[in-house]
Amino acid sequence: MNQQSNSALNADRRSRELSALGDGTAVDVLVIGGGITGVGTALDAASRGLRVVLVDKHDLAFGTSRWSSKLAHGGLRYLASGNVGIARESAVERGILMTSTAPHLVRAMPQLVPLLPSVGAFEKTLVRTGFLAGDVLRATARTSTKVLPRSRRVSADRAAELAPAVRRDGLRGGLLAYDGQLIDDARLVVAIARTAAQHGATVLTRVGAYDVTGSSARLRDEQTGEELTIRARAVVNAAGVWAGQVDPDIRLKPSRGTHLVLPAQALGNPTAALTVPIPGETNRFVFALPAQLGRVYLGLTDEAIEGEIPDVPQAADFEIDFLLDTVNTALGTPLTRADVLATYSGLRPLLDTGEGETADLSRNHAVLRSSNGVISVVGGKLTTYRKMAQDAVDAAVRAGGLTAGPCVTTKLPVVGAGPVTGDLPASLVARYGGESAQVAAAGELAPIAEGIDVTHAELAFAVSHEGALDVDDLLDRRTRIGLVPADRERAMAAAEAALGR
């Protein structure tokens, strides 16, 4: 295994490691893409003892990996559609995330389906059967009930306690199940990237890859315009929805998933995810998910998109209306557009099978080798990133004739997974786990603005240890302040100060 190094990513390390590459440098594996699959691939390869370079044209978690529902879910929906394989894989990977990889970043989240008059006997039986099947998935994945409790029925009073905004008229109780919820998806990506760096990987943001083949690429420093050629025994394309730009052999059919960002107080500060069946659908729901920073994320849509892939997808008006109309069927006081603080949308990199709606396309991942030798890993979803990475590295080892150790990521914790020491703010501990004391030592623990529980220390740590290079990195990915424009404006001065401007 490579000699372990410091996990800190910052501008100085980036400059030093980019300079050290030099023109014509040879490595074992070049990974293109700094999303969840890319950083997972870099960690898997580096922890097997391979020399790894990861590049991303933008930033860590710049694309789809920051636009998810923040769920590590057990694949119940896939079981309902008959895809037992991916359902079980999801449940296994969820368990690994919650117990080994990042137990500090993933918690058990209760999901409540309120039993309202619109939920008849058939629908109730369907949901209860599904929840019981989820219990079986959890058990077969060997995830303890101490990590994820069993599903059960709760009283009307308990349902209203968990989701205070639920409509009380005709409420007969609720069905409760548990799934995994990330404090933040982008934070998981950064933690994995830093762990890869700790195992010797070179992680470079603002570095684009061009003229990519299975053995080389032209790298460009997007900040200076300087270029160099890198040679690799294997090249892994983990560019997500942009995979086709790296490898023209790849054909994707992206779909857009949109969420609304709501103030938690508009829903009574819920402690469970209000789960509302979509009328006319048998296994699709809209979720109102409690989140950090006093927010609730309401999602999720599934809309096919055509044409050029945008850097930052935008929600359509009809998606906003659909989400509000659906959740309002379960609320005592309807939400309106005035309650919406912001929206965000992510693009799923689904394989184009030539048939079916995007909602029906498989979420299975695929590892493909193109005509020019590039190995592409596409499809899949956030929860199964680790298995996707393992399969991609296995393919890279075969293709490059590499000598590597076995995969160890099922038992490999990321930075922050250790015990918490000291009396520190709960919000800080939730985001940093065992690194909380180190973060606290980086600066002042005072909030950066009234009503925003992010501290000056967190911004300083993002610059010194998490590779944040500009204001957008700080506000849009290392923290999620930037989701709400008004909060972004209030946090701007503190972000600029953290960058020494």
Protein backbone atom coordinates (compact mmCIF):
# COMPACT_ATOMS: atom_id res chain seq x y z
CA MET A 1 0.00 0.00 0.00
CA ASN A 2 1.16 3.56 -0.65
CA GLN A 3 2.66 5.41 2.28
CA GLN A 4 -0.21 7.28 3.89
CA SER A 5 0.01 11.07 3.67
CA ASN A 6 -1.88 13.99 5.13
CA SER A 7 -5.53 14.14 4.07
CA ALA A 8 -5.58 17.94 3.79
CA LEU A 9 -6.50 19.27 0.34
CA ASN A 10 -5.74 22.93 -0.33
CA ALA A 11 -4.41 25.35 -2.94
CA ASP A 12 -0.77 24.80 -1.96
CA ARG A 13 -1.04 21.03 -2.22
CA ARG A 14 -2.83 21.32 -5.55
CA SER A 15 -0.09 23.54 -6.97
CA ARG A 16 2.66 21.31 -5.63
CA GLU A 17 1.18 18.06 -6.89
CA LEU A 18 0.24 19.48 -10.28
CA SER A 19 3.81 20.72 -10.74
CA ALA A 20 5.18 17.36 -9.64
CA LEU A 21 3.28 15.54 -12.38
CA GLY A 22 5.32 17.03 -15.17
CA ASP A 23 4.83 16.37 -18.87
CA GLY A 24 4.73 12.63 -19.65
CA THR A 25 4.32 11.43 -16.06
CA ALA A 26 3.17 7.81 -15.87
CA VAL A 27 0.66 6.58 -13.28
CA ASP A 28 -1.29 3.40 -12.72
CA VAL A 29 -4.82 4.83 -12.88
CA LEU A 30 -6.16 8.17 -14.08
CA VAL A 31 -9.68 8.88 -12.84
CA ILE A 32 -11.73 11.56 -14.60
CA GLY A 33 -14.53 13.03 -12.48
CA GLY A 34 -14.69 14.25 -8.90
CA GLY A 35 -18.20 13.15 -8.04
CA ILE A 36 -19.12 10.30 -5.71
CA THR A 37 -18.15 7.56 -8.18
CA GLY A 38 -14.87 9.20 -9.16
CA VAL A 39 -13.64 9.79 -5.61
CA GLY A 40 -14.80 6.31 -4.64
CA THR A 41 -12.77 4.88 -7.52
CA ALA A 42 -9.72 6.90 -6.51
CA LEU A 43 -9.98 5.67 -2.91
CA ASP A 44 -10.47 2.05 -3.94
CA ALA A 45 -7.45 2.13 -6.28
CA ALA A 46 -5.17 4.04 -3.89
CA SER A 47 -6.05 1.75 -0.97
CA ARG A 48 -5.01 -1.22 -3.13
CA GLY A 49 -1.54 0.31 -3.51
CA LEU A 50 -1.93 1.83 -6.97
CA ARG A 51 -0.60 5.23 -8.03
CA VAL A 52 -3.72 7.28 -8.74
CA VAL A 53 -4.44 10.72 -10.15
CA LEU A 54 -8.00 12.11 -10.06
CA VAL A 55 -8.93 15.24 -12.02
CA ASP A 56 -12.11 17.26 -12.29
CA LYS A 57 -12.65 20.24 -14.56
CA HIS A 58 -14.62 22.00 -11.84
CA ASP A 59 -14.78 21.02 -8.17
CA LEU A 60 -15.47 18.00 -6.00
CA ALA A 61 -19.21 17.18 -6.06
CA PHE A 62 -19.78 19.81 -8.74
CA GLY A 63 -22.40 17.76 -10.61
CA THR A 64 -25.12 15.29 -9.71
CA SER A 65 -23.42 14.25 -6.47
CA ARG A 66 -24.54 17.45 -4.73
CA TRP A 67 -28.10 17.41 -6.08
CA SER A 68 -29.40 14.16 -4.57
CA SER A 69 -32.11 13.58 -1.96
CA LYS A 70 -29.31 13.00 0.58
CA LEU A 71 -30.53 9.43 1.08
CA ALA A 72 -28.58 6.22 1.50
CA HIS A 73 -31.57 4.07 0.75
CA GLY A 74 -32.10 0.36 0.76
CA GLY A 75 -33.60 -0.09 -2.69
CA LEU A 76 -37.19 -0.79 -1.68
CA ARG A 77 -38.53 0.79 -4.86
CA TYR A 78 -36.41 -1.56 -6.97
CA LEU A 79 -37.76 -4.54 -5.07
CA ALA A 80 -41.28 -3.35 -5.88
CA SER A 81 -40.39 -3.33 -9.58
CA GLY A 82 -38.93 -6.82 -9.39
CA ASN A 83 -35.23 -5.90 -9.48
CA VAL A 84 -34.16 -7.98 -6.51
CA GLY A 85 -30.47 -7.76 -7.35
CA ILE A 86 -30.12 -4.00 -7.19
CA ALA A 87 -32.47 -3.84 -4.18
CA ARG A 88 -30.24 -6.19 -2.20
CA GLU A 89 -27.07 -4.46 -3.40
CA SER A 90 -28.50 -1.13 -2.24
CA ALA A 91 -29.35 -2.55 1.18
CA VAL A 92 -25.86 -4.03 1.59
CA GLU A 93 -24.13 -0.81 0.53
CA ARG A 94 -26.37 1.26 2.79
CA GLY A 95 -25.27 -0.91 5.71
CA ILE A 96 -21.60 -0.47 4.83
CA LEU A 97 -22.03 3.31 4.67
CA MET A 98 -23.83 3.47 8.01
CA THR A 99 -21.54 1.14 9.95
CA SER A 100 -18.09 1.24 8.33
CA THR A 101 -17.51 3.98 5.78
CA ALA A 102 -19.17 7.07 7.23
CA PRO A 103 -21.29 6.38 10.32
CA HIS A 104 -20.81 10.03 11.36
CA LEU A 105 -22.43 11.32 8.16
CA VAL A 106 -25.40 8.93 7.88
CA ARG A 107 -28.22 8.57 10.39
CA ALA A 108 -31.39 6.52 10.57
CA MET A 109 -34.26 8.65 9.28
CA PRO A 110 -37.89 7.77 10.01
CA GLN A 111 -40.18 7.85 6.97
CA LEU A 112 -43.88 8.37 7.72
CA VAL A 113 -46.76 7.48 5.43
CA PRO A 114 -49.83 9.09 7.04
CA LEU A 115 -52.99 7.00 6.93
CA LEU A 116 -55.40 9.57 5.53
CA PRO A 117 -58.78 8.93 3.86
CA SER A 118 -57.01 8.94 0.47
CA VAL A 119 -55.06 5.84 1.57
CA GLY A 120 -57.53 3.01 1.25
CA ALA A 121 -57.23 -0.55 2.45
CA PHE A 122 -55.44 -1.68 -0.71
CA GLU A 123 -52.92 1.17 -0.63
CA LYS A 124 -52.32 0.65 3.07
CA THR A 125 -51.68 -3.07 2.55
CA LEU A 126 -49.34 -2.29 -0.35
CA VAL A 127 -47.28 0.15 1.71
CA ARG A 128 -47.18 -2.10 4.77
CA THR A 129 -46.11 -5.05 2.62
CA GLY A 130 -43.40 -2.91 1.09
CA PHE A 131 -42.13 -1.81 4.48
CA LEU A 132 -42.03 -5.42 5.68
CA ALA A 133 -40.07 -6.32 2.56
CA GLY A 134 -37.70 -3.50 3.47
CA ASP A 135 -37.23 -5.10 6.88
CA VAL A 136 -36.31 -8.35 5.13
CA LEU A 137 -33.81 -6.50 2.92
CA ARG A 138 -32.24 -4.91 5.98
CA ALA A 139 -31.98 -8.28 7.70
CA THR A 140 -30.50 -10.05 4.68
CA ALA A 141 -27.95 -7.22 4.41
CA ARG A 142 -27.09 -7.92 8.08
CA THR A 143 -27.80 -4.38 9.19
CA SER A 144 -28.73 -4.35 12.87
CA THR A 145 -32.03 -2.97 14.13
CA LYS A 146 -29.86 -0.79 16.38
CA VAL A 147 -28.75 0.95 13.17
CA LEU A 148 -32.10 0.84 11.34
CA PRO A 149 -35.16 0.03 13.48
CA ARG A 150 -37.96 -2.19 12.21
CA SER A 151 -40.98 -0.69 10.50
CA ARG A 152 -44.21 -0.36 12.47
CA ARG A 153 -47.57 1.36 12.68
CA VAL A 154 -47.90 4.46 14.87
CA SER A 155 -50.87 6.30 16.34
CA ALA A 156 -52.36 9.48 14.93
CA ASP A 157 -50.86 11.47 17.79
CA ARG A 158 -47.40 10.05 17.12
CA ALA A 159 -47.73 10.68 13.39
CA ALA A 160 -48.62 14.31 14.10
CA GLU A 161 -45.67 14.59 16.47
CA LEU A 162 -43.26 13.35 13.81
CA ALA A 163 -44.77 15.46 11.02
CA PRO A 164 -46.68 18.36 12.64
CA ALA A 165 -47.98 19.76 9.34
CA VAL A 166 -49.86 16.58 8.45
CA ARG A 167 -53.60 16.93 7.94
CA ARG A 168 -55.44 15.82 11.09
CA ASP A 169 -58.90 15.44 9.55
CA GLY A 170 -59.40 11.69 9.08
CA LEU A 171 -55.86 10.81 10.17
CA ARG A 172 -55.90 7.16 11.34
CA GLY A 173 -52.25 6.93 12.30
CA GLY A 174 -49.24 6.23 10.14
CA LEU A 175 -46.90 3.61 8.79
CA LEU A 176 -43.29 4.18 9.81
CA ALA A 177 -40.12 2.77 8.27
CA TYR A 178 -36.47 3.76 8.51
CA ASP A 179 -33.82 4.49 5.91
CA GLY A 180 -30.41 6.13 5.84
CA GLN A 181 -30.03 9.89 5.45
CA LEU A 182 -26.81 11.77 4.74
CA ILE A 183 -26.19 15.03 6.56
CA ASP A 184 -25.01 16.11 3.11
CA ASP A 185 -24.04 14.36 -0.12
CA ALA A 186 -21.26 16.79 -1.07
CA ARG A 187 -19.72 16.40 2.38
CA LEU A 188 -19.47 12.63 1.82
CA VAL A 189 -17.74 13.23 -1.52
CA VAL A 190 -15.17 15.54 0.08
CA ALA A 191 -14.52 13.08 2.92
CA ILE A 192 -13.89 10.25 0.47
CA ALA A 193 -11.62 12.43 -1.68
CA ARG A 194 -9.56 13.41 1.36
CA THR A 195 -9.32 9.76 2.42
CA ALA A 196 -8.07 8.88 -1.07
CA ALA A 197 -5.45 11.63 -0.72
CA GLN A 198 -4.51 10.21 2.67
CA HIS A 199 -3.79 6.91 0.90
CA GLY A 200 -1.54 8.60 -1.65
CA ALA A 201 -3.93 9.63 -4.44
CA THR A 202 -3.33 12.94 -6.20
CA VAL A 203 -6.65 14.84 -6.22
CA LEU A 204 -6.76 17.85 -8.56
CA THR A 205 -9.74 20.13 -9.05
CA ARG A 206 -9.96 22.78 -11.80
CA VAL A 207 -8.03 20.39 -14.05
CA GLY A 208 -9.75 19.26 -17.25
CA ALA A 209 -8.97 16.10 -19.23
CA TYR A 210 -8.92 16.27 -23.03
CA ASP A 211 -8.01 13.93 -25.92
CA VAL A 212 -8.61 11.01 -23.58
CA THR A 213 -7.56 7.50 -24.56
CA GLY A 214 -7.18 4.30 -22.60
CA SER A 215 -3.54 5.14 -21.89
CA SER A 216 -3.22 8.94 -21.85
CA ALA A 217 -4.90 12.32 -21.59
CA ARG A 218 -4.03 15.97 -22.05
CA LEU A 219 -4.56 17.75 -18.74
CA ARG A 220 -5.24 21.49 -18.57
CA ASP A 221 -5.01 23.64 -15.48
CA GLU A 222 -8.27 25.56 -15.92
CA GLN A 223 -6.92 28.37 -13.72
CA THR A 224 -3.73 29.07 -15.67
CA GLY A 225 -4.29 27.40 -19.04
CA GLU A 226 -1.07 25.37 -18.69
CA GLU A 227 -1.18 21.86 -20.15
CA LEU A 228 0.65 18.58 -19.78
CA THR A 229 0.26 15.02 -21.00
CA ILE A 230 -0.22 12.20 -18.53
CA ARG A 231 0.24 8.53 -19.32
CA ALA A 232 -1.68 5.84 -17.44
CA ARG A 233 -1.88 2.08 -17.43
CA ALA A 234 -5.66 2.48 -17.15
CA VAL A 235 -8.05 5.42 -17.52
CA VAL A 236 -11.42 5.43 -15.73
CA ASN A 237 -14.15 7.75 -16.97
CA ALA A 238 -16.36 8.60 -13.96
CA ALA A 239 -17.72 11.86 -15.36
CA GLY A 240 -21.38 11.03 -14.68
CA VAL A 241 -23.80 12.74 -17.04
CA TRP A 242 -20.79 14.13 -18.92
CA ALA A 243 -19.34 10.67 -19.56
CA GLY A 244 -20.21 10.91 -23.25
CA GLN A 245 -18.02 13.99 -23.60
CA VAL A 246 -15.05 11.95 -22.35
CA ASP A 247 -15.92 8.82 -24.31
CA PRO A 248 -18.14 9.25 -27.42
CA ASP A 249 -19.00 5.51 -27.31
CA ILE A 250 -21.16 6.11 -24.23
CA ARG A 251 -24.88 6.67 -24.78
CA LEU A 252 -26.84 8.04 -21.83
CA LYS A 253 -30.46 9.05 -21.34
CA PRO A 254 -30.28 11.55 -18.46
CA SER A 255 -33.29 12.31 -16.33
CA ARG A 256 -33.83 15.33 -14.13
CA GLY A 257 -34.75 14.97 -10.47
CA THR A 258 -35.96 18.20 -8.87
CA HIS A 259 -36.31 19.19 -5.22
CA LEU A 260 -37.82 22.24 -3.56
CA VAL A 261 -36.08 23.85 -0.59
CA LEU A 262 -38.57 24.85 2.12
CA PRO A 263 -38.18 26.39 5.59
CA ALA A 264 -38.59 23.65 8.17
CA GLN A 265 -40.95 25.85 10.20
CA ALA A 266 -43.41 25.85 7.29
CA LEU A 267 -43.89 22.14 8.01
CA GLY A 268 -43.74 22.45 11.80
CA ASN A 269 -40.06 21.42 12.04
CA PRO A 270 -40.65 17.72 11.29
CA THR A 271 -38.39 14.97 12.59
CA ALA A 272 -39.56 12.37 10.06
CA ALA A 273 -39.73 12.40 6.29
CA LEU A 274 -43.36 12.90 5.32
CA THR A 275 -43.90 10.31 2.59
CA VAL A 276 -46.86 10.96 0.29
CA PRO A 277 -48.02 8.47 -2.38
CA ILE A 278 -48.24 9.95 -5.87
CA PRO A 279 -51.85 9.61 -7.04
CA GLY A 280 -52.19 6.90 -9.68
CA GLU A 281 -48.76 5.36 -8.93
CA THR A 282 -48.20 2.15 -7.00
CA ASN A 283 -44.58 2.53 -5.90
CA ARG A 284 -43.68 6.21 -6.23
CA PHE A 285 -43.81 8.83 -3.49
CA VAL A 286 -42.99 12.45 -2.82
CA PHE A 287 -40.79 12.99 0.24
CA ALA A 288 -40.50 16.02 2.52
CA LEU A 289 -37.09 15.38 4.05
CA PRO A 290 -35.85 17.25 7.14
CA ALA A 291 -32.39 18.64 6.44
CA GLN A 292 -29.63 20.70 8.02
CA LEU A 293 -29.69 24.51 8.22
CA GLY A 294 -33.39 24.53 9.16
CA ARG A 295 -34.58 23.31 5.79
CA VAL A 296 -36.79 20.63 4.30
CA TYR A 297 -36.10 19.18 0.84
CA LEU A 298 -39.24 18.25 -1.07
CA GLY A 299 -38.79 15.85 -3.98
CA LEU A 300 -38.51 14.05 -6.30
CA THR A 301 -39.35 14.26 -9.99
CA ASP A 302 -38.14 12.11 -12.89
CA GLU A 303 -38.13 13.95 -16.22
CA ALA A 304 -36.23 12.97 -19.36
CA ILE A 305 -34.02 15.72 -20.79
CA GLU A 306 -32.68 16.21 -24.28
CA GLY A 307 -29.81 18.20 -25.73
CA GLU A 308 -26.74 19.70 -24.12
CA ILE A 309 -26.00 18.85 -20.49
CA PRO A 310 -26.06 22.01 -18.34
CA ASP A 311 -23.53 22.58 -15.56
CA VAL A 312 -26.36 23.55 -13.20
CA PRO A 313 -29.77 22.10 -14.17
CA GLN A 314 -32.87 24.19 -13.52
CA ALA A 315 -36.27 23.10 -12.24
CA ALA A 316 -39.25 23.47 -14.56
CA ASP A 317 -42.42 25.23 -13.40
CA PHE A 318 -44.51 22.10 -13.86
CA GLU A 319 -42.17 20.17 -11.56
CA ILE A 320 -42.60 22.76 -8.81
CA ASP A 321 -46.38 22.59 -9.19
CA PHE A 322 -46.35 18.76 -9.20
CA LEU A 323 -44.35 18.55 -5.97
CA LEU A 324 -46.49 21.13 -4.16
CA ASP A 325 -49.76 19.62 -5.38
CA THR A 326 -48.72 16.13 -4.28
CA VAL A 327 -47.48 17.01 -0.80
CA ASN A 328 -50.51 19.26 -0.21
CA THR A 329 -52.78 16.21 -0.35
CA ALA A 330 -51.34 15.29 3.07
CA LEU A 331 -51.06 18.71 4.71
CA GLY A 332 -53.45 20.59 6.97
CA THR A 333 -52.37 23.95 5.54
CA PRO A 334 -51.32 23.82 1.88
CA LEU A 335 -47.90 25.07 0.82
CA THR A 336 -47.66 27.68 -1.90
CA ARG A 337 -44.87 28.97 -4.10
CA ALA A 338 -44.32 31.71 -1.54
CA ASP A 339 -43.03 29.00 0.83
CA VAL A 340 -40.35 27.86 -1.62
CA LEU A 341 -36.92 29.25 -0.70
CA ALA A 342 -35.16 27.71 -3.68
CA THR A 343 -35.07 24.71 -6.00
CA TYR A 344 -32.34 22.35 -7.11
CA SER A 345 -32.16 19.69 -9.79
CA GLY A 346 -29.78 16.84 -10.53
CA LEU A 347 -29.33 14.72 -13.62
CA ARG A 348 -29.24 10.93 -13.33
CA PRO A 349 -26.68 9.34 -15.72
CA LEU A 350 -28.97 6.53 -16.90
CA LEU A 351 -27.88 4.16 -19.63
CA ASP A 352 -29.84 4.61 -22.86
CA THR A 353 -31.47 1.27 -23.54
CA GLY A 354 -33.55 2.68 -26.38
CA GLU A 355 -36.87 2.06 -24.68
CA GLY A 356 -39.04 3.07 -21.75
CA GLU A 357 -39.52 6.21 -19.71
CA THR A 358 -36.61 7.39 -17.58
CA ALA A 359 -38.55 6.50 -14.42
CA ASP A 360 -38.58 2.89 -15.64
CA LEU A 361 -34.93 2.65 -16.69
CA SER A 362 -32.71 0.44 -14.58
CA ARG A 363 -30.56 2.06 -11.88
CA ASN A 364 -28.04 -0.75 -12.32
CA HIS A 365 -24.54 0.47 -13.03
CA ALA A 366 -22.33 -0.70 -15.86
CA VAL A 367 -18.58 -0.77 -16.40
CA LEU A 368 -17.82 -0.49 -20.10
CA ARG A 369 -14.61 -0.50 -22.10
CA SER A 370 -14.69 1.69 -25.20
CA SER A 371 -13.02 1.18 -28.55
CA ASN A 372 -10.08 3.35 -27.48
CA GLY A 373 -9.56 1.50 -24.20
CA VAL A 374 -11.18 3.96 -21.78
CA ILE A 375 -13.06 2.27 -18.93
CA SER A 376 -16.33 4.06 -18.19
CA VAL A 377 -18.49 3.50 -15.11
CA VAL A 378 -22.03 4.79 -15.62
CA GLY A 379 -25.53 4.42 -14.24
CA GLY A 380 -26.03 3.44 -10.63
CA LYS A 381 -26.84 5.75 -7.77
CA LEU A 382 -25.20 7.40 -4.79
CA THR A 383 -25.88 4.57 -2.33
CA THR A 384 -24.05 2.00 -4.46
CA TYR A 385 -21.04 4.18 -5.35
CA ARG A 386 -18.61 1.94 -3.43
CA LYS A 387 -19.54 -1.19 -5.41
CA MET A 388 -19.41 0.81 -8.65
CA ALA A 389 -15.90 1.95 -7.73
CA GLN A 390 -14.81 -1.58 -6.84
CA ASP A 391 -16.04 -2.91 -10.20
CA ALA A 392 -14.33 -0.05 -12.06
CA VAL A 393 -10.99 -0.67 -10.35
CA ASP A 394 -11.27 -4.42 -10.96
CA ALA A 395 -11.72 -3.63 -14.66
CA ALA A 396 -8.80 -1.18 -14.60
CA VAL A 397 -6.52 -3.76 -12.99
CA ARG A 398 -7.41 -6.31 -15.68
CA ALA A 399 -7.12 -3.85 -18.55
CA GLY A 400 -3.81 -2.37 -17.40
CA GLY A 401 -2.24 -5.60 -16.24
CA LEU A 402 -1.75 -3.95 -12.84
CA THR A 403 -0.53 -5.61 -9.68
CA ALA A 404 -2.88 -4.56 -6.89
CA GLY A 405 -4.09 -5.73 -3.53
CA PRO A 406 -7.67 -6.78 -2.84
CA CYS A 407 -10.50 -4.29 -2.37
CA VAL A 408 -10.63 -3.12 1.26
CA THR A 409 -13.30 -0.41 1.11
CA THR A 410 -16.02 -2.47 2.80
CA LYS A 411 -14.13 -1.90 6.06
CA LEU A 412 -12.33 1.36 5.35
CA PRO A 413 -13.63 4.41 7.27
CA VAL A 414 -13.31 7.88 5.78
CA VAL A 415 -11.86 10.86 7.62
CA GLY A 416 -14.10 11.93 10.48
CA ALA A 417 -15.45 8.47 11.22
CA GLY A 418 -13.65 8.27 14.58
CA PRO A 419 -14.92 9.19 18.05
CA VAL A 420 -15.92 12.74 18.91
CA THR A 421 -13.98 14.53 21.65
CA GLY A 422 -14.79 17.79 23.39
CA ASP A 423 -17.95 19.80 24.06
CA LEU A 424 -18.77 21.15 20.60
CA PRO A 425 -21.87 22.47 18.77
CA ALA A 426 -24.18 19.65 17.66
CA SER A 427 -24.33 21.04 14.13
CA LEU A 428 -20.53 20.90 13.88
CA VAL A 429 -20.41 17.31 15.15
CA ALA A 430 -23.12 16.28 12.67
CA ARG A 431 -21.05 17.55 9.76
CA TYR A 432 -17.54 16.54 10.86
CA GLY A 433 -17.80 13.71 13.36
CA GLY A 434 -14.40 12.77 14.78
CA GLU A 435 -12.74 15.74 13.10
CA SER A 436 -14.93 18.25 14.95
CA ALA A 437 -12.22 19.28 17.41
CA GLN A 438 -9.75 19.79 14.56
CA VAL A 439 -12.29 21.93 12.73
CA ALA A 440 -13.00 23.95 15.89
CA ALA A 441 -9.28 24.70 16.19
CA ALA A 442 -9.23 26.19 12.68
CA GLY A 443 -11.05 29.40 13.62
CA GLU A 444 -13.86 31.05 15.55
CA LEU A 445 -16.89 28.98 16.50
CA ALA A 446 -19.22 31.95 16.12
CA PRO A 447 -21.87 31.55 13.39
CA ILE A 448 -21.03 33.39 10.20
CA ALA A 449 -24.44 35.10 10.14
CA GLU A 450 -27.59 35.21 12.24
CA GLY A 451 -29.75 32.15 11.66
CA ILE A 452 -26.99 30.19 9.88
CA ASP A 453 -25.31 27.63 12.13
CA VAL A 454 -22.18 27.34 9.98
CA THR A 455 -19.17 28.74 11.84
CA HIS A 456 -16.14 30.73 10.74
CA ALA A 457 -14.02 27.72 11.72
CA GLU A 458 -15.81 25.54 9.16
CA LEU A 459 -15.05 27.94 6.34
CA ALA A 460 -11.41 28.16 7.41
CA PHE A 461 -11.17 24.35 7.55
CA ALA A 462 -12.73 24.07 4.09
CA VAL A 463 -9.92 26.24 2.71
CA SER A 464 -7.08 24.58 4.65
CA HIS A 465 -8.24 20.93 4.49
CA GLU A 466 -11.10 20.42 2.02
CA GLY A 467 -9.75 21.93 -1.19
CA ALA A 468 -12.08 24.94 -1.40
CA LEU A 469 -10.55 27.42 -3.84
CA ASP A 470 -13.25 30.07 -4.21
CA VAL A 471 -16.51 31.40 -2.79
CA ASP A 472 -18.64 28.98 -4.79
CA ASP A 473 -16.73 26.01 -3.41
CA LEU A 474 -17.36 27.28 0.12
CA LEU A 475 -21.02 28.22 -0.16
CA ASP A 476 -22.31 25.73 -2.72
CA ARG A 477 -20.44 22.52 -1.91
CA ARG A 478 -18.43 22.55 1.35
CA THR A 479 -21.52 24.05 2.96
CA ARG A 480 -25.00 24.22 1.43
CA ILE A 481 -25.64 27.83 2.36
CA GLY A 482 -25.72 28.84 -1.30
CA LEU A 483 -28.88 26.86 -2.04
CA VAL A 484 -30.91 29.79 -0.71
CA PRO A 485 -29.97 33.08 -2.45
CA ALA A 486 -30.75 35.27 0.58
CA ASP A 487 -28.52 33.12 2.81
CA ARG A 488 -25.74 33.19 0.20
CA GLU A 489 -25.76 36.97 0.22
CA ARG A 490 -25.51 37.11 4.00
CA ALA A 491 -22.65 34.62 4.04
CA MET A 492 -20.61 36.21 1.25
CA ALA A 493 -18.42 38.43 3.42
CA ALA A 494 -17.45 35.55 5.70
CA ALA A 495 -16.60 33.34 2.71
CA GLU A 496 -14.39 36.02 1.18
CA ALA A 497 -12.68 36.54 4.52
CA ALA A 498 -11.95 32.82 4.82
CA LEU A 499 -10.24 32.96 1.44
CA GLY A 500 -8.10 35.88 2.58
CA ARG A 501 -9.71 38.39 0.27
